[in-house]
Amino acid sequence: RHLKSGGVAICNQGDSYNVFSTAGHFV
């Protein structure tokens, strides 16, 4: 909802499931 309203978000990837990094990572 926030993105559709024109906002931007920082996403906080953890350590257990690797999509953006092999460890914690902000995207």
PDB file of all heavy atoms in Angstrom:
ATOM      1  N   ARG A   1       0.837  -1.207   0.000  1.00  0.00           N
ATOM      2  CA  ARG A   1       0.000   0.000   0.000  1.00  0.00           C
ATOM      3  C   ARG A   1       0.870   1.254   0.000  1.00  0.00           C
ATOM      4  O   ARG A   1       0.570   2.241  -0.684  1.00  0.00           O
ATOM      5  CB  ARG A   1      -0.945  -0.006   1.209  1.00  0.00           C
ATOM      6  CG  ARG A   1      -2.066  -1.005   1.124  1.00  0.00           C
ATOM      7  CD  ARG A   1      -3.130  -0.734   2.185  1.00  0.00           C
ATOM      8  NE  ARG A   1      -2.603  -0.860   3.549  1.00  0.00           N
ATOM      9  CZ  ARG A   1      -2.588  -1.989   4.253  1.00  0.00           C
ATOM     10  NH1 ARG A   1      -3.053  -3.110   3.708  1.00  0.00           N
ATOM     11  NH2 ARG A   1      -2.121  -2.005   5.480  1.00  0.00           N
ATOM     12  N   HIS A   2       1.948   1.213   0.772  1.00  0.00           N
ATOM     13  CA  HIS A   2       2.852   2.350   0.858  1.00  0.00           C
ATOM     14  C   HIS A   2       3.508   2.633  -0.486  1.00  0.00           C
ATOM     15  O   HIS A   2       3.589   3.801  -0.923  1.00  0.00           O
ATOM     16  CB  HIS A   2       3.907   2.055   1.924  1.00  0.00           C
ATOM     17  CG  HIS A   2       4.915   3.141   2.107  1.00  0.00           C
ATOM     18  ND1 HIS A   2       4.612   4.366   2.672  1.00  0.00           N
ATOM     19  CD2 HIS A   2       6.241   3.196   1.794  1.00  0.00           C
ATOM     20  CE1 HIS A   2       5.694   5.117   2.705  1.00  0.00           C
ATOM     21  NE2 HIS A   2       6.705   4.435   2.176  1.00  0.00           N
ATOM     22  N   LEU A   3       3.982   1.605  -1.160  1.00  0.00           N
ATOM     23  CA  LEU A   3       4.618   1.791  -2.466  1.00  0.00           C
ATOM     24  C   LEU A   3       3.622   2.322  -3.490  1.00  0.00           C
ATOM     25  O   LEU A   3       3.948   3.198  -4.298  1.00  0.00           O
ATOM     26  CB  LEU A   3       5.226   0.472  -2.952  1.00  0.00           C
ATOM     27  CG  LEU A   3       6.388  -0.091  -2.132  1.00  0.00           C
ATOM     28  CD1 LEU A   3       6.824  -1.441  -2.684  1.00  0.00           C
ATOM     29  CD2 LEU A   3       7.559   0.880  -2.092  1.00  0.00           C
ATOM     30  N   LYS A   4       2.415   1.811  -3.462  1.00  0.00           N
ATOM     31  CA  LYS A   4       1.389   2.264  -4.410  1.00  0.00           C
ATOM     32  C   LYS A   4       0.992   3.719  -4.164  1.00  0.00           C
ATOM     33  O   LYS A   4       0.537   4.402  -5.089  1.00  0.00           O
ATOM     34  CB  LYS A   4       0.156   1.355  -4.318  1.00  0.00           C
ATOM     35  CG  LYS A   4       0.367  -0.022  -4.943  1.00  0.00           C
ATOM     36  CD  LYS A   4      -0.896  -0.862  -4.874  1.00  0.00           C
ATOM     37  CE  LYS A   4      -0.719  -2.196  -5.598  1.00  0.00           C
ATOM     38  NZ  LYS A   4      -1.940  -3.042  -5.522  1.00  0.00           N
ATOM     39  N   SER A   5       1.177   4.193  -2.948  1.00  0.00           N
ATOM     40  CA  SER A   5       0.836   5.582  -2.635  1.00  0.00           C
ATOM     41  C   SER A   5       1.993   6.543  -2.925  1.00  0.00           C
ATOM     42  O   SER A   5       1.882   7.738  -2.673  1.00  0.00           O
ATOM     43  CB  SER A   5       0.424   5.705  -1.167  1.00  0.00           C
ATOM     44  OG  SER A   5       1.544   5.521  -0.308  1.00  0.00           O
ATOM     45  N   GLY A   6       3.112   6.009  -3.449  1.00  0.00           N
ATOM     46  CA  GLY A   6       4.237   6.857  -3.816  1.00  0.00           C
ATOM     47  C   GLY A   6       5.388   6.871  -2.838  1.00  0.00           C
ATOM     48  O   GLY A   6       6.361   7.603  -3.029  1.00  0.00           O
ATOM     49  N   GLY A   7       5.305   6.044  -1.797  1.00  0.00           N
ATOM     50  CA  GLY A   7       6.385   5.976  -0.829  1.00  0.00           C
ATOM     51  C   GLY A   7       7.500   5.044  -1.272  1.00  0.00           C
ATOM     52  O   GLY A   7       7.402   4.353  -2.290  1.00  0.00           O
ATOM     53  N   VAL A   8       8.566   5.021  -0.502  1.00  0.00           N
ATOM     54  CA  VAL A   8       9.704   4.140  -0.716  1.00  0.00           C
ATOM     55  C   VAL A   8       9.961   3.420   0.599  1.00  0.00           C
ATOM     56  O   VAL A   8       9.670   3.953   1.679  1.00  0.00           O
ATOM     57  CB  VAL A   8      10.949   4.944  -1.154  1.00  0.00           C
ATOM     58  CG1 VAL A   8      12.199   4.088  -1.163  1.00  0.00           C
ATOM     59  CG2 VAL A   8      10.730   5.536  -2.544  1.00  0.00           C
ATOM     60  N   ALA A   9      10.490   2.203   0.533  1.00  0.00           N
ATOM     61  CA  ALA A   9      10.725   1.435   1.753  1.00  0.00           C
ATOM     62  C   ALA A   9      12.126   0.834   1.770  1.00  0.00           C
ATOM     63  O   ALA A   9      12.667   0.459   0.722  1.00  0.00           O
ATOM     64  CB  ALA A   9       9.689   0.330   1.897  1.00  0.00           C
ATOM     65  N   ILE A  10      12.703   0.735   2.945  1.00  0.00           N
ATOM     66  CA  ILE A  10      13.949   0.008   3.158  1.00  0.00           C
ATOM     67  C   ILE A  10      13.581  -1.346   3.747  1.00  0.00           C
ATOM     68  O   ILE A  10      12.867  -1.421   4.758  1.00  0.00           O
ATOM     69  CB  ILE A  10      14.888   0.783   4.096  1.00  0.00           C
ATOM     70  CG1 ILE A  10      15.267   2.123   3.449  1.00  0.00           C
ATOM     71  CG2 ILE A  10      16.142  -0.042   4.406  1.00  0.00           C
ATOM     72  CD1 ILE A  10      16.023   3.060   4.382  1.00  0.00           C
ATOM     73  N   CYS A  11      14.044  -2.417   3.116  1.00  0.00           N
ATOM     74  CA  CYS A  11      13.711  -3.781   3.518  1.00  0.00           C
ATOM     75  C   CYS A  11      14.897  -4.410   4.236  1.00  0.00           C
ATOM     76  O   CYS A  11      16.038  -4.278   3.791  1.00  0.00           O
ATOM     77  CB  CYS A  11      13.337  -4.621   2.303  1.00  0.00           C
ATOM     78  SG  CYS A  11      12.032  -3.907   1.282  1.00  0.00           S
ATOM     79  N   ASN A  12      14.614  -5.122   5.303  1.00  0.00           N
ATOM     80  CA  ASN A  12      15.620  -5.631   6.218  1.00  0.00           C
ATOM     81  C   ASN A  12      15.718  -7.141   6.080  1.00  0.00           C
ATOM     82  O   ASN A  12      15.024  -7.886   6.766  1.00  0.00           O
ATOM     83  CB  ASN A  12      15.227  -5.221   7.644  1.00  0.00           C
ATOM     84  CG  ASN A  12      16.295  -5.519   8.666  1.00  0.00           C
ATOM     85  OD1 ASN A  12      17.374  -5.976   8.334  1.00  0.00           O
ATOM     86  ND2 ASN A  12      15.971  -5.247   9.921  1.00  0.00           N
ATOM     87  N   GLN A  13      16.585  -7.630   5.166  1.00  0.00           N
ATOM     88  CA  GLN A  13      16.735  -9.074   5.019  1.00  0.00           C
ATOM     89  C   GLN A  13      17.517  -9.648   6.189  1.00  0.00           C
ATOM     90  O   GLN A  13      18.511  -9.075   6.632  1.00  0.00           O
ATOM     91  CB  GLN A  13      17.468  -9.442   3.732  1.00  0.00           C
ATOM     92  CG  GLN A  13      17.523 -10.966   3.556  1.00  0.00           C
ATOM     93  CD  GLN A  13      18.568 -11.454   2.573  1.00  0.00           C
ATOM     94  OE1 GLN A  13      18.296 -11.539   1.401  1.00  0.00           O
ATOM     95  NE2 GLN A  13      19.756 -11.784   3.060  1.00  0.00           N
ATOM     96  N   GLY A  14      17.067 -10.812   6.655  1.00  0.00           N
ATOM     97  CA  GLY A  14      17.737 -11.476   7.761  1.00  0.00           C
ATOM     98  C   GLY A  14      18.801 -12.460   7.317  1.00  0.00           C
ATOM     99  O   GLY A  14      19.330 -12.382   6.204  1.00  0.00           O
ATOM    100  N   ASP A  15      19.085 -13.429   8.184  1.00  0.00           N
ATOM    101  CA  ASP A  15      20.160 -14.394   7.939  1.00  0.00           C
ATOM    102  C   ASP A  15      19.663 -15.759   7.463  1.00  0.00           C
ATOM    103  O   ASP A  15      20.464 -16.563   6.987  1.00  0.00           O
ATOM    104  CB  ASP A  15      20.968 -14.595   9.220  1.00  0.00           C
ATOM    105  CG  ASP A  15      21.619 -13.308   9.698  1.00  0.00           C
ATOM    106  OD1 ASP A  15      22.313 -12.668   8.892  1.00  0.00           O
ATOM    107  OD2 ASP A  15      21.432 -12.943  10.872  1.00  0.00           O
ATOM    108  N   SER A  16      18.381 -16.028   7.590  1.00  0.00           N
ATOM    109  CA  SER A  16      17.927 -17.407   7.402  1.00  0.00           C
ATOM    110  C   SER A  16      17.495 -17.731   5.976  1.00  0.00           C
ATOM    111  O   SER A  16      17.504 -18.904   5.590  1.00  0.00           O
ATOM    112  CB  SER A  16      16.773 -17.713   8.369  1.00  0.00           C
ATOM    113  OG  SER A  16      15.653 -16.886   8.081  1.00  0.00           O
ATOM    114  N   TYR A  17      17.107 -16.732   5.186  1.00  0.00           N
ATOM    115  CA  TYR A  17      16.603 -17.010   3.829  1.00  0.00           C
ATOM    116  C   TYR A  17      17.260 -16.037   2.853  1.00  0.00           C
ATOM    117  O   TYR A  17      17.025 -14.832   2.899  1.00  0.00           O
ATOM    118  CB  TYR A  17      15.085 -16.874   3.788  1.00  0.00           C
ATOM    119  CG  TYR A  17      14.448 -17.417   2.521  1.00  0.00           C
ATOM    120  CD1 TYR A  17      14.253 -18.783   2.348  1.00  0.00           C
ATOM    121  CD2 TYR A  17      14.050 -16.559   1.496  1.00  0.00           C
ATOM    122  CE1 TYR A  17      13.659 -19.283   1.191  1.00  0.00           C
ATOM    123  CE2 TYR A  17      13.462 -17.050   0.337  1.00  0.00           C
ATOM    124  CZ  TYR A  17      13.271 -18.411   0.193  1.00  0.00           C
ATOM    125  OH  TYR A  17      12.692 -18.901  -0.959  1.00  0.00           O
ATOM    126  N   ASN A  18      18.086 -16.558   1.977  1.00  0.00           N
ATOM    127  CA  ASN A  18      18.926 -15.767   1.096  1.00  0.00           C
ATOM    128  C   ASN A  18      18.206 -15.417  -0.202  1.00  0.00           C
ATOM    129  O   ASN A  18      17.969 -16.280  -1.045  1.00  0.00           O
ATOM    130  CB  ASN A  18      20.193 -16.576   0.803  1.00  0.00           C
ATOM    131  CG  ASN A  18      21.024 -16.007  -0.333  1.00  0.00           C
ATOM    132  OD1 ASN A  18      20.844 -14.855  -0.731  1.00  0.00           O
ATOM    133  ND2 ASN A  18      21.930 -16.810  -0.840  1.00  0.00           N
ATOM    134  N   VAL A  19      17.845 -14.143  -0.339  1.00  0.00           N
ATOM    135  CA  VAL A  19      17.364 -13.620  -1.614  1.00  0.00           C
ATOM    136  C   VAL A  19      18.332 -12.556  -2.127  1.00  0.00           C
ATOM    137  O   VAL A  19      18.797 -12.608  -3.264  1.00  0.00           O
ATOM    138  CB  VAL A  19      15.943 -13.027  -1.503  1.00  0.00           C
ATOM    139  CG1 VAL A  19      15.510 -12.411  -2.830  1.00  0.00           C
ATOM    140  CG2 VAL A  19      14.954 -14.105  -1.080  1.00  0.00           C
ATOM    141  N   PHE A  20      18.678 -11.596  -1.270  1.00  0.00           N
ATOM    142  CA  PHE A  20      19.512 -10.465  -1.681  1.00  0.00           C
ATOM    143  C   PHE A  20      20.956 -10.579  -1.206  1.00  0.00           C
ATOM    144  O   PHE A  20      21.817  -9.843  -1.677  1.00  0.00           O
ATOM    145  CB  PHE A  20      18.913  -9.164  -1.132  1.00  0.00           C
ATOM    146  CG  PHE A  20      17.436  -9.051  -1.344  1.00  0.00           C
ATOM    147  CD1 PHE A  20      16.564  -9.060  -0.269  1.00  0.00           C
ATOM    148  CD2 PHE A  20      16.900  -8.969  -2.627  1.00  0.00           C
ATOM    149  CE1 PHE A  20      15.193  -8.971  -0.450  1.00  0.00           C
ATOM    150  CE2 PHE A  20      15.531  -8.877  -2.814  1.00  0.00           C
ATOM    151  CZ  PHE A  20      14.677  -8.879  -1.730  1.00  0.00           C
ATOM    152  N   SER A  21      21.228 -11.457  -0.264  1.00  0.00           N
ATOM    153  CA  SER A  21      22.570 -11.589   0.291  1.00  0.00           C
ATOM    154  C   SER A  21      22.648 -12.887   1.077  1.00  0.00           C
ATOM    155  O   SER A  21      21.624 -13.485   1.415  1.00  0.00           O
ATOM    156  CB  SER A  21      22.880 -10.404   1.212  1.00  0.00           C
ATOM    157  OG  SER A  21      24.136 -10.547   1.824  1.00  0.00           O
ATOM    158  N   THR A  22      23.866 -13.331   1.370  1.00  0.00           N
ATOM    159  CA  THR A  22      24.047 -14.536   2.181  1.00  0.00           C
ATOM    160  C   THR A  22      23.966 -14.245   3.673  1.00  0.00           C
ATOM    161  O   THR A  22      24.047 -15.156   4.486  1.00  0.00           O
ATOM    162  CB  THR A  22      25.411 -15.185   1.870  1.00  0.00           C
ATOM    163  OG1 THR A  22      26.444 -14.215   2.075  1.00  0.00           O
ATOM    164  CG2 THR A  22      25.461 -15.685   0.431  1.00  0.00           C
ATOM    165  N   ALA A  23      23.822 -12.979   4.034  1.00  0.00           N
ATOM    166  CA  ALA A  23      23.681 -12.580   5.441  1.00  0.00           C
ATOM    167  C   ALA A  23      22.750 -11.380   5.498  1.00  0.00           C
ATOM    168  O   ALA A  23      22.120 -11.018   4.497  1.00  0.00           O
ATOM    169  CB  ALA A  23      25.041 -12.256   6.039  1.00  0.00           C
ATOM    170  N   GLY A  24      22.647 -10.748   6.666  1.00  0.00           N
ATOM    171  CA  GLY A  24      21.777  -9.583   6.795  1.00  0.00           C
ATOM    172  C   GLY A  24      22.129  -8.504   5.791  1.00  0.00           C
ATOM    173  O   GLY A  24      23.305  -8.241   5.524  1.00  0.00           O
ATOM    174  N   HIS A  25      21.104  -7.860   5.252  1.00  0.00           N
ATOM    175  CA  HIS A  25      21.346  -6.895   4.176  1.00  0.00           C
ATOM    176  C   HIS A  25      20.131  -5.973   4.049  1.00  0.00           C
ATOM    177  O   HIS A  25      18.980  -6.419   4.144  1.00  0.00           O
ATOM    178  CB  HIS A  25      21.550  -7.651   2.859  1.00  0.00           C
ATOM    179  CG  HIS A  25      22.012  -6.804   1.712  1.00  0.00           C
ATOM    180  ND1 HIS A  25      23.002  -5.860   1.827  1.00  0.00           N
ATOM    181  CD2 HIS A  25      21.612  -6.769   0.404  1.00  0.00           C
ATOM    182  CE1 HIS A  25      23.214  -5.290   0.645  1.00  0.00           C
ATOM    183  NE2 HIS A  25      22.374  -5.827  -0.223  1.00  0.00           N
ATOM    184  N   PHE A  26      20.386  -4.674   3.842  1.00  0.00           N
ATOM    185  CA  PHE A  26      19.327  -3.709   3.570  1.00  0.00           C
ATOM    186  C   PHE A  26      19.234  -3.447   2.067  1.00  0.00           C
ATOM    187  O   PHE A  26      20.257  -3.227   1.405  1.00  0.00           O
ATOM    188  CB  PHE A  26      19.594  -2.386   4.286  1.00  0.00           C
ATOM    189  CG  PHE A  26      19.479  -2.461   5.776  1.00  0.00           C
ATOM    190  CD1 PHE A  26      20.606  -2.391   6.582  1.00  0.00           C
ATOM    191  CD2 PHE A  26      18.232  -2.600   6.383  1.00  0.00           C
ATOM    192  CE1 PHE A  26      20.509  -2.445   7.960  1.00  0.00           C
ATOM    193  CE2 PHE A  26      18.120  -2.666   7.764  1.00  0.00           C
ATOM    194  CZ  PHE A  26      19.257  -2.593   8.559  1.00  0.00           C
ATOM    195  N   VAL A  27      18.008  -3.475   1.556  1.00  0.00           N
ATOM    196  CA  VAL A  27      17.738  -3.116   0.165  1.00  0.00           C
ATOM    197  C   VAL A  27      16.577  -2.130   0.159  1.00  0.00           C
ATOM    198  O   VAL A  27      15.910  -1.922   1.170  1.00  0.00           O
ATOM    199  CB  VAL A  27      17.410  -4.353  -0.701  1.00  0.00           C
ATOM    200  CG1 VAL A  27      18.588  -5.319  -0.756  1.00  0.00           C
ATOM    201  CG2 VAL A  27      16.148  -5.064  -0.193  1.00  0.00           C
TER     202      VAL A  27
END
